[in-house]
Amino acid sequence: MDANEAARHGLTPDQFAKRTADLWRKGLADWGQSPDRIERYRSSADISIYTPGSNAGLPLTVLRSFSAPPPAVLNDADALRECIMSAAGGLLALLGIQADPLRSREHILVSSLLDRAWRERT
């Protein structure tokens, strides 16, 4: 709990934490979420929190997607083409560009760059 936030409410951090927990507990109960139901969910689900650019949770690195694929993919023309199309489309989508893989200059450029960079790596 943020000690400054607690102080703004005239409470100690422990008091503020208890008040916040009670508020959340009541809110969950109002929505029909009992402690037993929440525990059943937690024990039956694999909960992961991805944190791009941080190690606070499970880091997510977009740039890793642009690493050259393994030799088995590089030597398989169809697999390589699929990998390139997917990586180029993903990058353009992140940039907010809707690009046709066969007609878009952006998609063709990014695909060509990936193809050349990956082939030169071998």
PDB file of N, CA and C in Angstrom:
ATOM      1  N   MET A   1       0.842  -1.169   0.000  1.00  0.00           N
ATOM      2  CA  MET A   1       0.000   0.000   0.000  1.00  0.00           C
ATOM      3  C   MET A   1       0.889   1.235   0.000  1.00  0.00           C
ATOM      4  N   ASP A   2       0.408   2.250  -0.642  1.00  0.00           N
ATOM      5  CA  ASP A   2       1.129   3.520  -0.709  1.00  0.00           C
ATOM      6  C   ASP A   2       0.924   4.276   0.602  1.00  0.00           C
ATOM      7  N   ALA A   3       2.013   4.485   1.333  1.00  0.00           N
ATOM      8  CA  ALA A   3       1.933   5.165   2.632  1.00  0.00           C
ATOM      9  C   ALA A   3       1.384   6.578   2.490  1.00  0.00           C
ATOM     10  N   ASN A   4       1.707   7.249   1.401  1.00  0.00           N
ATOM     11  CA  ASN A   4       1.194   8.613   1.183  1.00  0.00           C
ATOM     12  C   ASN A   4      -0.313   8.604   0.973  1.00  0.00           C
ATOM     13  N   GLU A   5      -0.796   7.624   0.230  1.00  0.00           N
ATOM     14  CA  GLU A   5      -2.249   7.506   0.011  1.00  0.00           C
ATOM     15  C   GLU A   5      -2.959   7.229   1.338  1.00  0.00           C
ATOM     16  N   ALA A   6      -2.391   6.359   2.147  1.00  0.00           N
ATOM     17  CA  ALA A   6      -2.966   6.064   3.467  1.00  0.00           C
ATOM     18  C   ALA A   6      -3.013   7.337   4.311  1.00  0.00           C
ATOM     19  N   ALA A   7      -1.929   8.092   4.299  1.00  0.00           N
ATOM     20  CA  ALA A   7      -1.866   9.323   5.093  1.00  0.00           C
ATOM     21  C   ALA A   7      -2.921  10.330   4.618  1.00  0.00           C
ATOM     22  N   ARG A   8      -3.150  10.404   3.322  1.00  0.00           N
ATOM     23  CA  ARG A   8      -4.172  11.317   2.797  1.00  0.00           C
ATOM     24  C   ARG A   8      -5.560  10.965   3.326  1.00  0.00           C
ATOM     25  N   HIS A   9      -5.759   9.699   3.648  1.00  0.00           N
ATOM     26  CA  HIS A   9      -7.038   9.256   4.200  1.00  0.00           C
ATOM     27  C   HIS A   9      -7.024   9.238   5.732  1.00  0.00           C
ATOM     28  N   GLY A  10      -5.922   9.688   6.334  1.00  0.00           N
ATOM     29  CA  GLY A  10      -5.811   9.730   7.789  1.00  0.00           C
ATOM     30  C   GLY A  10      -5.679   8.359   8.421  1.00  0.00           C
ATOM     31  N   LEU A  11      -5.078   7.421   7.682  1.00  0.00           N
ATOM     32  CA  LEU A  11      -4.938   6.045   8.161  1.00  0.00           C
ATOM     33  C   LEU A  11      -3.485   5.606   8.115  1.00  0.00           C
ATOM     34  N   THR A  12      -3.158   4.584   8.902  1.00  0.00           N
ATOM     35  CA  THR A  12      -1.843   3.958   8.787  1.00  0.00           C
ATOM     36  C   THR A  12      -1.882   3.069   7.540  1.00  0.00           C
ATOM     37  N   PRO A  13      -0.730   2.694   7.003  1.00  0.00           N
ATOM     38  CA  PRO A  13      -0.740   1.794   5.847  1.00  0.00           C
ATOM     39  C   PRO A  13      -1.506   0.497   6.115  1.00  0.00           C
ATOM     40  N   ASP A  14      -1.369  -0.082   7.326  1.00  0.00           N
ATOM     41  CA  ASP A  14      -2.088  -1.317   7.652  1.00  0.00           C
ATOM     42  C   ASP A  14      -3.605  -1.091   7.669  1.00  0.00           C
ATOM     43  N   GLN A  15      -4.029   0.025   8.248  1.00  0.00           N
ATOM     44  CA  GLN A  15      -5.467   0.329   8.280  1.00  0.00           C
ATOM     45  C   GLN A  15      -6.005   0.537   6.857  1.00  0.00           C
ATOM     46  N   PHE A  16      -5.232   1.244   6.042  1.00  0.00           N
ATOM     47  CA  PHE A  16      -5.656   1.511   4.668  1.00  0.00           C
ATOM     48  C   PHE A  16      -5.720   0.212   3.865  1.00  0.00           C
ATOM     49  N   ALA A  17      -4.737  -0.677   4.087  1.00  0.00           N
ATOM     50  CA  ALA A  17      -4.731  -1.974   3.403  1.00  0.00           C
ATOM     51  C   ALA A  17      -5.954  -2.788   3.793  1.00  0.00           C
ATOM     52  N   LYS A  18      -6.289  -2.801   5.091  1.00  0.00           N
ATOM     53  CA  LYS A  18      -7.466  -3.552   5.549  1.00  0.00           C
ATOM     54  C   LYS A  18      -8.735  -2.969   4.948  1.00  0.00           C
ATOM     55  N   ARG A  19      -8.843  -1.635   4.946  1.00  0.00           N
ATOM     56  CA  ARG A  19     -10.035  -0.998   4.385  1.00  0.00           C
ATOM     57  C   ARG A  19     -10.181  -1.310   2.890  1.00  0.00           C
ATOM     58  N   THR A  20      -9.061  -1.277   2.175  1.00  0.00           N
ATOM     59  CA  THR A  20      -9.086  -1.588   0.742  1.00  0.00           C
ATOM     60  C   THR A  20      -9.475  -3.042   0.507  1.00  0.00           C
ATOM     61  N   ALA A  21      -8.908  -3.953   1.289  1.00  0.00           N
ATOM     62  CA  ALA A  21      -9.244  -5.378   1.153  1.00  0.00           C
ATOM     63  C   ALA A  21     -10.714  -5.613   1.452  1.00  0.00           C
ATOM     64  N   ASP A  22     -11.235  -4.966   2.498  1.00  0.00           N
ATOM     65  CA  ASP A  22     -12.661  -5.104   2.837  1.00  0.00           C
ATOM     66  C   ASP A  22     -13.541  -4.578   1.710  1.00  0.00           C
ATOM     67  N   LEU A  23     -13.139  -3.468   1.123  1.00  0.00           N
ATOM     68  CA  LEU A  23     -13.905  -2.889   0.009  1.00  0.00           C
ATOM     69  C   LEU A  23     -13.950  -3.844  -1.178  1.00  0.00           C
ATOM     70  N   TRP A  24     -12.793  -4.421  -1.517  1.00  0.00           N
ATOM     71  CA  TRP A  24     -12.736  -5.376  -2.624  1.00  0.00           C
ATOM     72  C   TRP A  24     -13.542  -6.644  -2.296  1.00  0.00           C
ATOM     73  N   ARG A  25     -13.407  -7.126  -1.071  1.00  0.00           N
ATOM     74  CA  ARG A  25     -14.138  -8.331  -0.652  1.00  0.00           C
ATOM     75  C   ARG A  25     -15.646  -8.108  -0.799  1.00  0.00           C
ATOM     76  N   LYS A  26     -16.138  -6.939  -0.337  1.00  0.00           N
ATOM     77  CA  LYS A  26     -17.558  -6.613  -0.449  1.00  0.00           C
ATOM     78  C   LYS A  26     -17.970  -6.497  -1.914  1.00  0.00           C
ATOM     79  N   GLY A  27     -17.148  -5.826  -2.714  1.00  0.00           N
ATOM     80  CA  GLY A  27     -17.458  -5.677  -4.140  1.00  0.00           C
ATOM     81  C   GLY A  27     -17.560  -7.022  -4.842  1.00  0.00           C
ATOM     82  N   LEU A  28     -16.627  -7.919  -4.547  1.00  0.00           N
ATOM     83  CA  LEU A  28     -16.668  -9.254  -5.148  1.00  0.00           C
ATOM     84  C   LEU A  28     -17.909 -10.021  -4.683  1.00  0.00           C
ATOM     85  N   ALA A  29     -18.238  -9.909  -3.403  1.00  0.00           N
ATOM     86  CA  ALA A  29     -19.429 -10.589  -2.872  1.00  0.00           C
ATOM     87  C   ALA A  29     -20.695 -10.043  -3.525  1.00  0.00           C
ATOM     88  N   ASP A  30     -20.740  -8.727  -3.734  1.00  0.00           N
ATOM     89  CA  ASP A  30     -21.901  -8.127  -4.405  1.00  0.00           C
ATOM     90  C   ASP A  30     -22.082  -8.663  -5.820  1.00  0.00           C
ATOM     91  N   TRP A  31     -21.005  -9.093  -6.434  1.00  0.00           N
ATOM     92  CA  TRP A  31     -21.051  -9.659  -7.782  1.00  0.00           C
ATOM     93  C   TRP A  31     -21.193 -11.187  -7.749  1.00  0.00           C
ATOM     94  N   GLY A  32     -21.400 -11.742  -6.578  1.00  0.00           N
ATOM     95  CA  GLY A  32     -21.597 -13.188  -6.460  1.00  0.00           C
ATOM     96  C   GLY A  32     -20.313 -13.989  -6.507  1.00  0.00           C
ATOM     97  N   GLN A  33     -19.189 -13.351  -6.206  1.00  0.00           N
ATOM     98  CA  GLN A  33     -17.900 -14.034  -6.255  1.00  0.00           C
ATOM     99  C   GLN A  33     -17.444 -14.342  -4.833  1.00  0.00           C
ATOM    100  N   SER A  34     -17.777 -15.536  -4.354  1.00  0.00           N
ATOM    101  CA  SER A  34     -17.408 -15.935  -2.989  1.00  0.00           C
ATOM    102  C   SER A  34     -15.935 -16.330  -2.941  1.00  0.00           C
ATOM    103  N   PRO A  35     -15.346 -16.301  -1.747  1.00  0.00           N
ATOM    104  CA  PRO A  35     -13.943 -16.742  -1.618  1.00  0.00           C
ATOM    105  C   PRO A  35     -13.735 -18.173  -2.128  1.00  0.00           C
ATOM    106  N   ASP A  36     -14.722 -19.059  -1.892  1.00  0.00           N
ATOM    107  CA  ASP A  36     -14.602 -20.444  -2.380  1.00  0.00           C
ATOM    108  C   ASP A  36     -14.561 -20.483  -3.911  1.00  0.00           C
ATOM    109  N   ARG A  37     -15.424 -19.718  -4.544  1.00  0.00           N
ATOM    110  CA  ARG A  37     -15.481 -19.688  -6.017  1.00  0.00           C
ATOM    111  C   ARG A  37     -14.184 -19.128  -6.585  1.00  0.00           C
ATOM    112  N   ILE A  38     -13.659 -18.082  -5.972  1.00  0.00           N
ATOM    113  CA  ILE A  38     -12.400 -17.492  -6.428  1.00  0.00           C
ATOM    114  C   ILE A  38     -11.260 -18.491  -6.268  1.00  0.00           C
ATOM    115  N   GLU A  39     -11.238 -19.221  -5.154  1.00  0.00           N
ATOM    116  CA  GLU A  39     -10.191 -20.219  -4.935  1.00  0.00           C
ATOM    117  C   GLU A  39     -10.290 -21.360  -5.947  1.00  0.00           C
ATOM    118  N   ARG A  40     -11.504 -21.794  -6.266  1.00  0.00           N
ATOM    119  CA  ARG A  40     -11.677 -22.846  -7.290  1.00  0.00           C
ATOM    120  C   ARG A  40     -11.128 -22.369  -8.631  1.00  0.00           C
ATOM    121  N   TYR A  41     -11.401 -21.130  -8.967  1.00  0.00           N
ATOM    122  CA  TYR A  41     -10.875 -20.573 -10.222  1.00  0.00           C
ATOM    123  C   TYR A  41      -9.342 -20.552 -10.199  1.00  0.00           C
ATOM    124  N   ARG A  42      -8.775 -20.021  -9.127  1.00  0.00           N
ATOM    125  CA  ARG A  42      -7.317 -19.903  -9.038  1.00  0.00           C
ATOM    126  C   ARG A  42      -6.626 -21.262  -9.107  1.00  0.00           C
ATOM    127  N   SER A  43      -7.236 -22.282  -8.503  1.00  0.00           N
ATOM    128  CA  SER A  43      -6.598 -23.604  -8.498  1.00  0.00           C
ATOM    129  C   SER A  43      -6.781 -24.347  -9.813  1.00  0.00           C
ATOM    130  N   SER A  44      -7.730 -23.910 -10.640  1.00  0.00           N
ATOM    131  CA  SER A  44      -7.970 -24.632 -11.895  1.00  0.00           C
ATOM    132  C   SER A  44      -7.461 -23.888 -13.124  1.00  0.00           C
ATOM    133  N   ALA A  45      -6.987 -22.659 -12.968  1.00  0.00           N
ATOM    134  CA  ALA A  45      -6.538 -21.875 -14.118  1.00  0.00           C
ATOM    135  C   ALA A  45      -5.054 -21.542 -13.981  1.00  0.00           C
ATOM    136  N   ASP A  46      -4.394 -21.501 -15.119  1.00  0.00           N
ATOM    137  CA  ASP A  46      -3.005 -21.060 -15.157  1.00  0.00           C
ATOM    138  C   ASP A  46      -3.038 -19.569 -15.482  1.00  0.00           C
ATOM    139  N   ILE A  47      -2.764 -18.752 -14.488  1.00  0.00           N
ATOM    140  CA  ILE A  47      -2.857 -17.313 -14.642  1.00  0.00           C
ATOM    141  C   ILE A  47      -1.476 -16.749 -14.919  1.00  0.00           C
ATOM    142  N   SER A  48      -1.334 -16.041 -16.041  1.00  0.00           N
ATOM    143  CA  SER A  48      -0.059 -15.443 -16.422  1.00  0.00           C
ATOM    144  C   SER A  48      -0.275 -13.962 -16.707  1.00  0.00           C
ATOM    145  N   ILE A  49       0.644 -13.159 -16.242  1.00  0.00           N
ATOM    146  CA  ILE A  49       0.589 -11.731 -16.517  1.00  0.00           C
ATOM    147  C   ILE A  49       1.827 -11.377 -17.327  1.00  0.00           C
ATOM    148  N   TYR A  50       1.594 -10.954 -18.570  1.00  0.00           N
ATOM    149  CA  TYR A  50       2.680 -10.564 -19.455  1.00  0.00           C
ATOM    150  C   TYR A  50       2.945  -9.073 -19.288  1.00  0.00           C
ATOM    151  N   THR A  51       4.209  -8.719 -19.204  1.00  0.00           N
ATOM    152  CA  THR A  51       4.581  -7.332 -18.961  1.00  0.00           C
ATOM    153  C   THR A  51       5.608  -6.894 -20.004  1.00  0.00           C
ATOM    154  N   PRO A  52       5.139  -6.372 -21.137  1.00  0.00           N
ATOM    155  CA  PRO A  52       6.081  -5.905 -22.163  1.00  0.00           C
ATOM    156  C   PRO A  52       7.032  -4.852 -21.607  1.00  0.00           C
ATOM    157  N   GLY A  53       8.309  -5.046 -21.852  1.00  0.00           N
ATOM    158  CA  GLY A  53       9.312  -4.080 -21.430  1.00  0.00           C
ATOM    159  C   GLY A  53       9.634  -4.114 -19.947  1.00  0.00           C
ATOM    160  N   SER A  54       9.166  -5.121 -19.222  1.00  0.00           N
ATOM    161  CA  SER A  54       9.420  -5.188 -17.787  1.00  0.00           C
ATOM    162  C   SER A  54       9.623  -6.640 -17.384  1.00  0.00           C
ATOM    163  N   ASN A  55      10.346  -6.832 -16.298  1.00  0.00           N
ATOM    164  CA  ASN A  55      10.526  -8.173 -15.755  1.00  0.00           C
ATOM    165  C   ASN A  55       9.627  -8.403 -14.550  1.00  0.00           C
ATOM    166  N   ALA A  56       8.662  -7.494 -14.306  1.00  0.00           N
ATOM    167  CA  ALA A  56       7.769  -7.612 -13.148  1.00  0.00           C
ATOM    168  C   ALA A  56       6.880  -8.849 -13.262  1.00  0.00           C
ATOM    169  N   GLY A  57       6.513  -9.241 -14.453  1.00  0.00           N
ATOM    170  CA  GLY A  57       5.713 -10.443 -14.686  1.00  0.00           C
ATOM    171  C   GLY A  57       6.469 -11.325 -15.660  1.00  0.00           C
ATOM    172  N   LEU A  58       5.766 -11.835 -16.658  1.00  0.00           N
ATOM    173  CA  LEU A  58       6.419 -12.597 -17.718  1.00  0.00           C
ATOM    174  C   LEU A  58       6.771 -11.613 -18.830  1.00  0.00           C
ATOM    175  N   PRO A  59       8.064 -11.398 -19.075  1.00  0.00           N
ATOM    176  CA  PRO A  59       8.428 -10.411 -20.084  1.00  0.00           C
ATOM    177  C   PRO A  59       7.955 -10.829 -21.470  1.00  0.00           C
ATOM    178  N   LEU A  60       7.624  -9.858 -22.244  1.00  0.00           N
ATOM    179  CA  LEU A  60       7.154 -10.079 -23.609  1.00  0.00           C
ATOM    180  C   LEU A  60       8.032  -9.249 -24.515  1.00  0.00           C
ATOM    181  N   THR A  61       8.754  -9.903 -25.396  1.00  0.00           N
ATOM    182  CA  THR A  61       9.680  -9.202 -26.260  1.00  0.00           C
ATOM    183  C   THR A  61       9.253  -9.369 -27.700  1.00  0.00           C
ATOM    184  N   VAL A  62       8.795  -8.281 -28.277  1.00  0.00           N
ATOM    185  CA  VAL A  62       8.349  -8.307 -29.667  1.00  0.00           C
ATOM    186  C   VAL A  62       9.522  -8.559 -30.597  1.00  0.00           C
ATOM    187  N   LEU A  63      10.667  -7.982 -30.314  1.00  0.00           N
ATOM    188  CA  LEU A  63      11.805  -8.101 -31.218  1.00  0.00           C
ATOM    189  C   LEU A  63      12.285  -9.534 -31.388  1.00  0.00           C
ATOM    190  N   ARG A  64      12.047 -10.378 -30.389  1.00  0.00           N
ATOM    191  CA  ARG A  64      12.455 -11.776 -30.501  1.00  0.00           C
ATOM    192  C   ARG A  64      11.743 -12.451 -31.682  1.00  0.00           C
ATOM    193  N   SER A  65      10.568 -11.942 -32.048  1.00  0.00           N
ATOM    194  CA  SER A  65       9.811 -12.498 -33.167  1.00  0.00           C
ATOM    195  C   SER A  65      10.537 -12.305 -34.491  1.00  0.00           C
ATOM    196  N   PHE A  66      11.511 -11.395 -34.518  1.00  0.00           N
ATOM    197  CA  PHE A  66      12.200 -11.098 -35.770  1.00  0.00           C
ATOM    198  C   PHE A  66      13.560 -11.764 -35.859  1.00  0.00           C
ATOM    199  N   SER A  67      13.857 -12.632 -34.916  1.00  0.00           N
ATOM    200  CA  SER A  67      15.091 -13.415 -34.997  1.00  0.00           C
ATOM    201  C   SER A  67      14.940 -14.418 -36.137  1.00  0.00           C
ATOM    202  N   ALA A  68      16.054 -14.732 -36.767  1.00  0.00           N
ATOM    203  CA  ALA A  68      16.021 -15.694 -37.865  1.00  0.00           C
ATOM    204  C   ALA A  68      15.505 -17.042 -37.371  1.00  0.00           C
ATOM    205  N   PRO A  69      14.654 -17.683 -38.161  1.00  0.00           N
ATOM    206  CA  PRO A  69      14.151 -19.002 -37.771  1.00  0.00           C
ATOM    207  C   PRO A  69      15.272 -20.043 -37.845  1.00  0.00           C
ATOM    208  N   PRO A  70      15.026 -21.222 -37.287  1.00  0.00           N
ATOM    209  CA  PRO A  70      16.046 -22.277 -37.312  1.00  0.00           C
ATOM    210  C   PRO A  70      16.327 -22.739 -38.753  1.00  0.00           C
ATOM    211  N   PRO A  71      17.483 -23.383 -38.961  1.00  0.00           N
ATOM    212  CA  PRO A  71      17.872 -23.837 -40.307  1.00  0.00           C
ATOM    213  C   PRO A  71      16.811 -24.685 -41.009  1.00  0.00           C
ATOM    214  N   ALA A  72      16.075 -25.508 -40.254  1.00  0.00           N
ATOM    215  CA  ALA A  72      15.048 -26.350 -40.892  1.00  0.00           C
ATOM    216  C   ALA A  72      13.999 -25.481 -41.586  1.00  0.00           C
ATOM    217  N   VAL A  73      13.667 -24.348 -41.017  1.00  0.00           N
ATOM    218  CA  VAL A  73      12.689 -23.440 -41.634  1.00  0.00           C
ATOM    219  C   VAL A  73      13.344 -22.690 -42.788  1.00  0.00           C
ATOM    220  N   LEU A  74      14.569 -22.232 -42.582  1.00  0.00           N
ATOM    221  CA  LEU A  74      15.263 -21.501 -43.645  1.00  0.00           C
ATOM    222  C   LEU A  74      15.448 -22.341 -44.905  1.00  0.00           C
ATOM    223  N   ASN A  75      15.564 -23.649 -44.740  1.00  0.00           N
ATOM    224  CA  ASN A  75      15.769 -24.545 -45.883  1.00  0.00           C
ATOM    225  C   ASN A  75      14.463 -25.056 -46.488  1.00  0.00           C
ATOM    226  N   ASP A  76      13.344 -24.693 -45.930  1.00  0.00           N
ATOM    227  CA  ASP A  76      12.031 -25.096 -46.437  1.00  0.00           C
ATOM    228  C   ASP A  76      11.342 -23.846 -46.981  1.00  0.00           C
ATOM    229  N   ALA A  77      11.281 -23.701 -48.293  1.00  0.00           N
ATOM    230  CA  ALA A  77      10.771 -22.472 -48.930  1.00  0.00           C
ATOM    231  C   ALA A  77       9.372 -22.113 -48.454  1.00  0.00           C
ATOM    232  N   ASP A  78       8.484 -23.109 -48.346  1.00  0.00           N
ATOM    233  CA  ASP A  78       7.105 -22.820 -47.918  1.00  0.00           C
ATOM    234  C   ASP A  78       7.059 -22.359 -46.459  1.00  0.00           C
ATOM    235  N   ALA A  79       7.800 -23.038 -45.607  1.00  0.00           N
ATOM    236  CA  ALA A  79       7.818 -22.673 -44.187  1.00  0.00           C
ATOM    237  C   ALA A  79       8.438 -21.288 -44.003  1.00  0.00           C
ATOM    238  N   LEU A  80       9.504 -21.007 -44.745  1.00  0.00           N
ATOM    239  CA  LEU A  80      10.155 -19.706 -44.654  1.00  0.00           C
ATOM    240  C   LEU A  80       9.213 -18.597 -45.123  1.00  0.00           C
ATOM    241  N   ARG A  81       8.548 -18.814 -46.231  1.00  0.00           N
ATOM    242  CA  ARG A  81       7.605 -17.817 -46.756  1.00  0.00           C
ATOM    243  C   ARG A  81       6.497 -17.541 -45.728  1.00  0.00           C
ATOM    244  N   GLU A  82       5.986 -18.582 -45.117  1.00  0.00           N
ATOM    245  CA  GLU A  82       4.938 -18.429 -44.103  1.00  0.00           C
ATOM    246  C   GLU A  82       5.451 -17.650 -42.894  1.00  0.00           C
ATOM    247  N   CYS A  83       6.660 -17.959 -42.478  1.00  0.00           N
ATOM    248  CA  CYS A  83       7.279 -17.285 -41.335  1.00  0.00           C
ATOM    249  C   CYS A  83       7.484 -15.799 -41.646  1.00  0.00           C
ATOM    250  N   ILE A  84       7.962 -15.500 -42.832  1.00  0.00           N
ATOM    251  CA  ILE A  84       8.185 -14.109 -43.243  1.00  0.00           C
ATOM    252  C   ILE A  84       6.869 -13.353 -43.308  1.00  0.00           C
ATOM    253  N   MET A  85       5.860 -13.949 -43.927  1.00  0.00           N
ATOM    254  CA  MET A  85       4.553 -13.290 -44.057  1.00  0.00           C
ATOM    255  C   MET A  85       3.951 -13.008 -42.684  1.00  0.00           C
ATOM    256  N   SER A  86       4.087 -13.953 -41.794  1.00  0.00           N
ATOM    257  CA  SER A  86       3.544 -13.796 -40.452  1.00  0.00           C
ATOM    258  C   SER A  86       4.267 -12.685 -39.683  1.00  0.00           C
ATOM    259  N   ALA A  87       5.590 -12.682 -39.746  1.00  0.00           N
ATOM    260  CA  ALA A  87       6.363 -11.659 -39.036  1.00  0.00           C
ATOM    261  C   ALA A  87       6.099 -10.274 -39.620  1.00  0.00           C
ATOM    262  N   ALA A  88       6.068 -10.156 -40.926  1.00  0.00           N
ATOM    263  CA  ALA A  88       5.808  -8.863 -41.570  1.00  0.00           C
ATOM    264  C   ALA A  88       4.401  -8.371 -41.233  1.00  0.00           C
ATOM    265  N   GLY A  89       3.426  -9.263 -41.325  1.00  0.00           N
ATOM    266  CA  GLY A  89       2.048  -8.884 -40.998  1.00  0.00           C
ATOM    267  C   GLY A  89       1.903  -8.467 -39.550  1.00  0.00           C
ATOM    268  N   GLY A  90       2.573  -9.175 -38.651  1.00  0.00           N
ATOM    269  CA  GLY A  90       2.522  -8.837 -37.232  1.00  0.00           C
ATOM    270  C   GLY A  90       3.133  -7.478 -36.946  1.00  0.00           C
ATOM    271  N   LEU A  91       4.275  -7.199 -37.550  1.00  0.00           N
ATOM    272  CA  LEU A  91       4.931  -5.908 -37.355  1.00  0.00           C
ATOM    273  C   LEU A  91       4.051  -4.772 -37.875  1.00  0.00           C
ATOM    274  N   LEU A  92       3.520  -4.939 -39.060  1.00  0.00           N
ATOM    275  CA  LEU A  92       2.670  -3.888 -39.632  1.00  0.00           C
ATOM    276  C   LEU A  92       1.406  -3.691 -38.815  1.00  0.00           C
ATOM    277  N   ALA A  93       0.850  -4.770 -38.274  1.00  0.00           N
ATOM    278  CA  ALA A  93      -0.343  -4.650 -37.420  1.00  0.00           C
ATOM    279  C   ALA A  93      -0.017  -3.855 -36.156  1.00  0.00           C
ATOM    280  N   LEU A  94       1.158  -4.098 -35.577  1.00  0.00           N
ATOM    281  CA  LEU A  94       1.570  -3.336 -34.396  1.00  0.00           C
ATOM    282  C   LEU A  94       1.686  -1.845 -34.710  1.00  0.00           C
ATOM    283  N   LEU A  95       2.014  -1.538 -35.940  1.00  0.00           N
ATOM    284  CA  LEU A  95       2.144  -0.144 -36.367  1.00  0.00           C
ATOM    285  C   LEU A  95       0.805   0.442 -36.815  1.00  0.00           C
ATOM    286  N   GLY A  96      -0.240  -0.390 -36.784  1.00  0.00           N
ATOM    287  CA  GLY A  96      -1.564   0.084 -37.190  1.00  0.00           C
ATOM    288  C   GLY A  96      -1.742   0.157 -38.698  1.00  0.00           C
ATOM    289  N   ILE A  97      -0.935  -0.607 -39.431  1.00  0.00           N
ATOM    290  CA  ILE A  97      -1.014  -0.606 -40.893  1.00  0.00           C
ATOM    291  C   ILE A  97      -1.675  -1.898 -41.361  1.00  0.00           C
ATOM    292  N   GLN A  98      -2.826  -1.761 -42.012  1.00  0.00           N
ATOM    293  CA  GLN A  98      -3.482  -2.922 -42.606  1.00  0.00           C
ATOM    294  C   GLN A  98      -2.932  -3.069 -44.023  1.00  0.00           C
ATOM    295  N   ALA A  99      -2.158  -4.118 -44.226  1.00  0.00           N
ATOM    296  CA  ALA A  99      -1.440  -4.266 -45.490  1.00  0.00           C
ATOM    297  C   ALA A  99      -1.751  -5.594 -46.146  1.00  0.00           C
ATOM    298  N   ASP A 100      -2.095  -5.533 -47.412  1.00  0.00           N
ATOM    299  CA  ASP A 100      -2.304  -6.741 -48.207  1.00  0.00           C
ATOM    300  C   ASP A 100      -0.934  -7.342 -48.512  1.00  0.00           C
ATOM    301  N   PRO A 101      -0.707  -8.597 -48.167  1.00  0.00           N
ATOM    302  CA  PRO A 101       0.615  -9.205 -48.364  1.00  0.00           C
ATOM    303  C   PRO A 101       1.094  -9.208 -49.819  1.00  0.00           C
ATOM    304  N   LEU A 102       0.160  -9.201 -50.771  1.00  0.00           N
ATOM    305  CA  LEU A 102       0.561  -9.276 -52.173  1.00  0.00           C
ATOM    306  C   LEU A 102       0.611  -7.920 -52.864  1.00  0.00           C
ATOM    307  N   ARG A 103      -0.073  -6.931 -52.343  1.00  0.00           N
ATOM    308  CA  ARG A 103      -0.152  -5.639 -53.030  1.00  0.00           C
ATOM    309  C   ARG A 103       0.431  -4.460 -52.265  1.00  0.00           C
ATOM    310  N   SER A 104       0.500  -4.579 -50.964  1.00  0.00           N
ATOM    311  CA  SER A 104       0.951  -3.469 -50.138  1.00  0.00           C
ATOM    312  C   SER A 104       2.460  -3.270 -50.263  1.00  0.00           C
ATOM    313  N   ARG A 105       2.863  -2.039 -50.569  1.00  0.00           N
ATOM    314  CA  ARG A 105       4.303  -1.742 -50.657  1.00  0.00           C
ATOM    315  C   ARG A 105       4.975  -1.973 -49.312  1.00  0.00           C
ATOM    316  N   GLU A 106       4.266  -1.612 -48.222  1.00  0.00           N
ATOM    317  CA  GLU A 106       4.839  -1.789 -46.891  1.00  0.00           C
ATOM    318  C   GLU A 106       5.101  -3.258 -46.588  1.00  0.00           C
ATOM    319  N   HIS A 107       4.104  -4.102 -46.891  1.00  0.00           N
ATOM    320  CA  HIS A 107       4.259  -5.536 -46.601  1.00  0.00           C
ATOM    321  C   HIS A 107       5.357  -6.137 -47.459  1.00  0.00           C
ATOM    322  N   ILE A 108       5.392  -5.757 -48.706  1.00  0.00           N
ATOM    323  CA  ILE A 108       6.423  -6.292 -49.611  1.00  0.00           C
ATOM    324  C   ILE A 108       7.809  -5.852 -49.150  1.00  0.00           C
ATOM    325  N   LEU A 109       7.943  -4.581 -48.725  1.00  0.00           N
ATOM    326  CA  LEU A 109       9.231  -4.079 -48.255  1.00  0.00           C
ATOM    327  C   LEU A 109       9.692  -4.823 -47.000  1.00  0.00           C
ATOM    328  N   VAL A 110       8.813  -4.907 -46.001  1.00  0.00           N
ATOM    329  CA  VAL A 110       9.192  -5.573 -44.750  1.00  0.00           C
ATOM    330  C   VAL A 110       9.502  -7.049 -45.012  1.00  0.00           C
ATOM    331  N   SER A 111       8.712  -7.702 -45.837  1.00  0.00           N
ATOM    332  CA  SER A 111       8.959  -9.114 -46.175  1.00  0.00           C
ATOM    333  C   SER A 111      10.312  -9.290 -46.848  1.00  0.00           C
ATOM    334  N   SER A 112      10.630  -8.396 -47.771  1.00  0.00           N
ATOM    335  CA  SER A 112      11.913  -8.478 -48.480  1.00  0.00           C
ATOM    336  C   SER A 112      13.089  -8.267 -47.518  1.00  0.00           C
ATOM    337  N   LEU A 113      12.924  -7.317 -46.598  1.00  0.00           N
ATOM    338  CA  LEU A 113      13.984  -7.069 -45.622  1.00  0.00           C
ATOM    339  C   LEU A 113      14.213  -8.282 -44.724  1.00  0.00           C
ATOM    340  N   LEU A 114      13.123  -8.870 -44.242  1.00  0.00           N
ATOM    341  CA  LEU A 114      13.252 -10.056 -43.388  1.00  0.00           C
ATOM    342  C   LEU A 114      13.869 -11.220 -44.159  1.00  0.00           C
ATOM    343  N   ASP A 115      13.412 -11.439 -45.374  1.00  0.00           N
ATOM    344  CA  ASP A 115      13.923 -12.537 -46.195  1.00  0.00           C
ATOM    345  C   ASP A 115      15.435 -12.394 -46.391  1.00  0.00           C
ATOM    346  N   ARG A 116      15.860 -11.203 -46.762  1.00  0.00           N
ATOM    347  CA  ARG A 116      17.288 -10.976 -47.010  1.00  0.00           C
ATOM    348  C   ARG A 116      18.100 -11.128 -45.719  1.00  0.00           C
ATOM    349  N   ALA A 117      17.617 -10.505 -44.642  1.00  0.00           N
ATOM    350  CA  ALA A 117      18.371 -10.576 -43.378  1.00  0.00           C
ATOM    351  C   ALA A 117      18.472 -12.009 -42.869  1.00  0.00           C
ATOM    352  N   TRP A 118      17.392 -12.764 -42.962  1.00  0.00           N
ATOM    353  CA  TRP A 118      17.414 -14.134 -42.472  1.00  0.00           C
ATOM    354  C   TRP A 118      18.283 -15.039 -43.331  1.00  0.00           C
ATOM    355  N   ARG A 119      18.246 -14.839 -44.639  1.00  0.00           N
ATOM    356  CA  ARG A 119      19.066 -15.686 -45.525  1.00  0.00           C
ATOM    357  C   ARG A 119      20.554 -15.368 -45.373  1.00  0.00           C
ATOM    358  N   GLU A 120      20.894 -14.100 -45.149  1.00  0.00           N
ATOM    359  CA  GLU A 120      22.301 -13.719 -44.986  1.00  0.00           C
ATOM    360  C   GLU A 120      22.873 -14.226 -43.665  1.00  0.00           C
ATOM    361  N   ARG A 121      22.019 -14.503 -42.721  1.00  0.00           N
ATOM    362  CA  ARG A 121      22.456 -14.965 -41.403  1.00  0.00           C
ATOM    363  C   ARG A 121      23.045 -16.377 -41.482  1.00  0.00           C
ATOM    364  N   THR A 122      22.629 -17.148 -42.465  1.00  0.00           N
ATOM    365  CA  THR A 122      23.098 -18.539 -42.555  1.00  0.00           C
ATOM    366  C   THR A 122      24.466 -18.655 -43.137  1.00  0.00           C
TER     367      THR A 122
END
